[in-house]
Amino acid sequence: MYRNRALKNIIFSVLSQVAAIVAGLFFSRLVLSWYGSATNGLLNTVNQVFAYFILLEAGIGLASLQALYLPVSKDDRQEISSIVAATKRYYDRMGLVYLAAVLVFAAVYSLWIGSVYAEEGVEAYKMAGVIIFTGLGNVVNFVYQGKYKILMQAEGKNYVVTNAQTMLTILACILKVIGIYSGFSIVWVMALGFVASLVQTAFYYWYIKRHYSWLDPAAEPAKITQNRSVFQHQVSQLIFQNTDVIILNVLCGLRVASVYAVYKVVVSAVGTFTYQFSESLLFIFGQGYAKDKAKYCEDIDRFDQAYTMLSFCMFSIACVLYLPFVELYTNNVTDIEYLDRWLPLMFVGVELLSSLRRAMQNTITVSGHFKQTVPRSIAEAVINLGVTLALVPRFGIYGALIGTIVALLYRSNDIIIYGNRRILERSAMPAYRLYIVNLLAFVPVAIVSLTNWLHFSNYLHFMLWGVIATVCCGAWYFAINLIFFRERVKSLLALIRRR
């Protein structure tokens, strides 16, 4: 069962990411062409601000997920119902708060920023409308879908959540494109996206009624611990991950924020793909850690090897093709310069540093070491925010990325050491050997990407080179890891071949 669900999770997450990448890039390109860089910057800024609204979960989501692993592994339906009941009660209570926050954000942001960017074609009413319709979709998601997503993730049914998201992505893109070509204002285009979110909610309602009729709505709500610690982690992570575009918006303008967003969309697409690979297997680690810690160590080492190889391969491909893609993507967009030789390497560097800590980050999550690691997470956010605010006024996007890299150099090392020493009670040196070998293998890729800027006349030519880059990078990292980590790679291949 585990293997079957894991395989479904991985396959459908790949398909979902392909759909998300194609739809996101296509829609953003249309926004740039029809509405301009200022509107594109607005949409990305609004999305980043709404990322902070996840704080309304106050830690209940991740804490509930961690609490569900043990009863799910034992098929204790009464305990599962109690945890879901507690989660539902919180989400229902915070739904109105979320809606009020959306309306306040729409009013304050549009009145504060609207007059500043009116000359760029982004009037206050457009800002308010975009915020409201984007936020309403999130409110529906928050109130109804959240609690059930957590349960399905604990059971390993990420593929259900993924398929629902794919449906939303495709439907929303189709409706928005129809709106754009019909000459609608950006406000009504985003309203069509809200309609798509209602269809997704209807799907969840049908699925839960059919497959989770055993859930007891009258169950006594369980007491979920560590909410406060998880909340503090979420605050610091949201500050770390989502402040750059907001700071650039305020200090440098919407057009600079649009440049950042165009570069970010590439690594975000690749990063989300690798992240979903990790999430597809997290239920195995969560239930495995709860039952057999020794077996967990073997599983997480195999995962670390596979995830590191996958991440370096994917981001190496992105590094080589980054500028050619941006050149094609922003063709005929002239209101600001988008091409910069150093930005791809910096964006990729951020993602690679983040990927190094994924295995031990998962270990911290499944072991419930939230309270113990709060000060470290806060330190990461403070370092990032401080360095970014100091450097952005002078260096712009470079300053934002330097702030992120400095914070990652601290926190990624901290997570690797903490997870290995404090939780798994072993040395971190084998992990560092894996990361250093792959970082050294990345150096020639970086040199090639900096010294050879490819130019393509169309996307077909670009995709053909993408296939070539994929084969070359895949063979390169497989060969390097086979030489230095033969037993681990052979173990992975045996696991893949095994039924």
Foldseek 3Di string as FASTA:
>chain_A
DLVVLLVLLLVLLVVLLVLLLVLVLVVLLLCCVQPNLLVSLLLLLLVLVVLVVVLLLLQLLLLLLLVVLACLLVVVQLVNLQSLLQSLVSLQVCLVVLLVVLQVCLVVVLVVCQVVCVVVVCHSVNSSLLSNLVSLLVSLCSNQPRSVCSNCLLNLNVSVVSVLSSQLSVQLSVQLVVCVVVVHDPSVSSNSSSVSSVVSSVVVVVVCVVPVVVRDNPRNHDDRPPSNLSSLLSVLVSLLPRCQLVCLCVQPNSNLSSLVVLLLSLVVSLLSSLVSSLSSNLSVLLNCCVPPVVVSVVVLVLVLLVSLLSLLLSLLLCLQLVQQVQCVSCPPNPPDDNHDLCVSVLSSLLSNLVSLLSSLVSLCSSVVVRNVCSVLSNVLSCQLVVQLVVPCNPPNSVSNSVSSNVSSVRNSVVSLQCSVCVPVNHGSVVSVVSSVLSVVLSVVSNVCSNPDRDHDPDVVVSVVVSVVSSVVSSVSSVVSCCVVPVVSVVVSVVVVPDD
